[in-house]
Amino acid sequence: MEIKTILLIIQITLSVLLIISILLQVRGAGLGSIFGSVGGEFYRSKRGIEQFLYRATIILSILFVSNCIALAYLYA
């Protein structure tokens, strides 16, 4: 298999994983905040799966950009 084909497959896989990791993150906006009710906003730290998704999104985005640069270098 050619290196360009491998990088394109990696690019598609990274993009799907990045979309999934972004969509799974919850920002705590319930239905009450959508309709304008005032909720008790408070600070809380990320824990468990929320922290894992946050870090995974950062890592996936770095890998995605790196792969984009590698593909641009190969196709230029």
C-alpha atoms as a PDB file:
ATOM      1  CA  MET A   1       0.000   0.000   0.000  1.00  0.00           C
ATOM      2  CA  GLU A   2       1.250   3.474  -0.826  1.00  0.00           C
ATOM      3  CA  ILE A   3       2.014   5.984   1.952  1.00  0.00           C
ATOM      4  CA  LYS A   4      -0.507   8.497   0.559  1.00  0.00           C
ATOM      5  CA  THR A   5      -3.287   5.921   0.777  1.00  0.00           C
ATOM      6  CA  ILE A   6      -2.353   5.034   4.338  1.00  0.00           C
ATOM      7  CA  LEU A   7      -2.331   8.706   5.362  1.00  0.00           C
ATOM      8  CA  LEU A   8      -5.726   9.265   3.733  1.00  0.00           C
ATOM      9  CA  ILE A   9      -7.218   6.321   5.629  1.00  0.00           C
ATOM     10  CA  ILE A  10      -5.694   7.658   8.854  1.00  0.00           C
ATOM     11  CA  GLN A  11      -7.128  11.121   8.051  1.00  0.00           C
ATOM     12  CA  ILE A  12     -10.646   9.740   7.598  1.00  0.00           C
ATOM     13  CA  THR A  13     -10.391   7.697  10.788  1.00  0.00           C
ATOM     14  CA  LEU A  14      -9.079  10.657  12.791  1.00  0.00           C
ATOM     15  CA  SER A  15     -11.813  12.929  11.485  1.00  0.00           C
ATOM     16  CA  VAL A  16     -14.568  10.478  12.461  1.00  0.00           C
ATOM     17  CA  LEU A  17     -13.054   9.939  15.925  1.00  0.00           C
ATOM     18  CA  LEU A  18     -12.658  13.701  16.416  1.00  0.00           C
ATOM     19  CA  ILE A  19     -16.284  14.336  15.472  1.00  0.00           C
ATOM     20  CA  ILE A  20     -17.463  11.621  17.865  1.00  0.00           C
ATOM     21  CA  SER A  21     -15.324  12.913  20.748  1.00  0.00           C
ATOM     22  CA  ILE A  22     -16.621  16.450  20.252  1.00  0.00           C
ATOM     23  CA  LEU A  23     -20.251  15.380  20.058  1.00  0.00           C
ATOM     24  CA  LEU A  24     -19.980  13.266  23.220  1.00  0.00           C
ATOM     25  CA  GLN A  25     -18.822  16.173  25.345  1.00  0.00           C
ATOM     26  CA  VAL A  26     -21.573  17.679  27.450  1.00  0.00           C
ATOM     27  CA  ARG A  27     -21.406  21.305  28.513  1.00  0.00           C
ATOM     28  CA  GLY A  28     -24.068  21.082  31.219  1.00  0.00           C
ATOM     29  CA  ALA A  29     -26.636  23.105  29.283  1.00  0.00           C
ATOM     30  CA  GLY A  30     -29.934  21.627  30.380  1.00  0.00           C
ATOM     31  CA  LEU A  31     -33.377  22.417  29.022  1.00  0.00           C
ATOM     32  CA  GLY A  32     -33.834  25.123  31.617  1.00  0.00           C
ATOM     33  CA  SER A  33     -30.937  27.174  30.280  1.00  0.00           C
ATOM     34  CA  ILE A  34     -32.213  26.815  26.731  1.00  0.00           C
ATOM     35  CA  PHE A  35     -35.507  28.516  27.621  1.00  0.00           C
ATOM     36  CA  GLY A  36     -33.857  31.282  29.609  1.00  0.00           C
ATOM     37  CA  SER A  37     -34.386  30.187  33.182  1.00  0.00           C
ATOM     38  CA  VAL A  38     -31.690  31.197  35.588  1.00  0.00           C
ATOM     39  CA  GLY A  39     -29.859  28.208  36.961  1.00  0.00           C
ATOM     40  CA  GLY A  40     -27.319  27.913  39.708  1.00  0.00           C
ATOM     41  CA  GLU A  41     -24.096  28.147  37.726  1.00  0.00           C
ATOM     42  CA  PHE A  42     -21.078  26.883  39.622  1.00  0.00           C
ATOM     43  CA  TYR A  43     -17.555  25.732  38.889  1.00  0.00           C
ATOM     44  CA  ARG A  44     -16.818  22.049  38.782  1.00  0.00           C
ATOM     45  CA  SER A  45     -13.796  20.144  37.598  1.00  0.00           C
ATOM     46  CA  LYS A  46     -13.796  17.517  34.884  1.00  0.00           C
ATOM     47  CA  ARG A  47     -13.767  13.962  36.204  1.00  0.00           C
ATOM     48  CA  GLY A  48     -13.881  10.471  34.816  1.00  0.00           C
ATOM     49  CA  ILE A  49     -15.121  10.066  31.284  1.00  0.00           C
ATOM     50  CA  GLU A  50     -15.527  13.821  30.835  1.00  0.00           C
ATOM     51  CA  GLN A  51     -11.820  14.377  31.483  1.00  0.00           C
ATOM     52  CA  PHE A  52     -10.919  11.443  29.206  1.00  0.00           C
ATOM     53  CA  LEU A  53     -13.011  12.887  26.354  1.00  0.00           C
ATOM     54  CA  TYR A  54     -11.462  16.320  26.866  1.00  0.00           C
ATOM     55  CA  ARG A  55      -7.919  14.962  26.637  1.00  0.00           C
ATOM     56  CA  ALA A  56      -8.795  12.618  23.780  1.00  0.00           C
ATOM     57  CA  THR A  57     -10.205  15.554  21.802  1.00  0.00           C
ATOM     58  CA  ILE A  58      -6.981  17.515  22.260  1.00  0.00           C
ATOM     59  CA  ILE A  59      -4.814  14.559  21.250  1.00  0.00           C
ATOM     60  CA  LEU A  60      -7.001  13.731  18.252  1.00  0.00           C
ATOM     61  CA  SER A  61      -6.938  17.334  17.056  1.00  0.00           C
ATOM     62  CA  ILE A  62      -3.126  17.449  17.280  1.00  0.00           C
ATOM     63  CA  LEU A  63      -2.881  14.181  15.344  1.00  0.00           C
ATOM     64  CA  PHE A  64      -5.397  15.473  12.786  1.00  0.00           C
ATOM     65  CA  VAL A  65      -3.427  18.663  12.143  1.00  0.00           C
ATOM     66  CA  SER A  66      -0.150  16.732  11.960  1.00  0.00           C
ATOM     67  CA  ASN A  67      -1.641  14.357   9.436  1.00  0.00           C
ATOM     68  CA  CYS A  68      -2.963  17.306   7.408  1.00  0.00           C
ATOM     69  CA  ILE A  69       0.527  18.796   7.275  1.00  0.00           C
ATOM     70  CA  ALA A  70       2.012  15.443   6.217  1.00  0.00           C
ATOM     71  CA  LEU A  71      -0.578  15.063   3.456  1.00  0.00           C
ATOM     72  CA  ALA A  72      -0.021  18.617   2.262  1.00  0.00           C
ATOM     73  CA  TYR A  73       3.729  17.974   2.127  1.00  0.00           C
ATOM     74  CA  LEU A  74       3.266  14.764   0.130  1.00  0.00           C
ATOM     75  CA  TYR A  75       0.825  16.266  -2.353  1.00  0.00           C
ATOM     76  CA  ALA A  76       2.811  19.476  -2.901  1.00  0.00           C
END
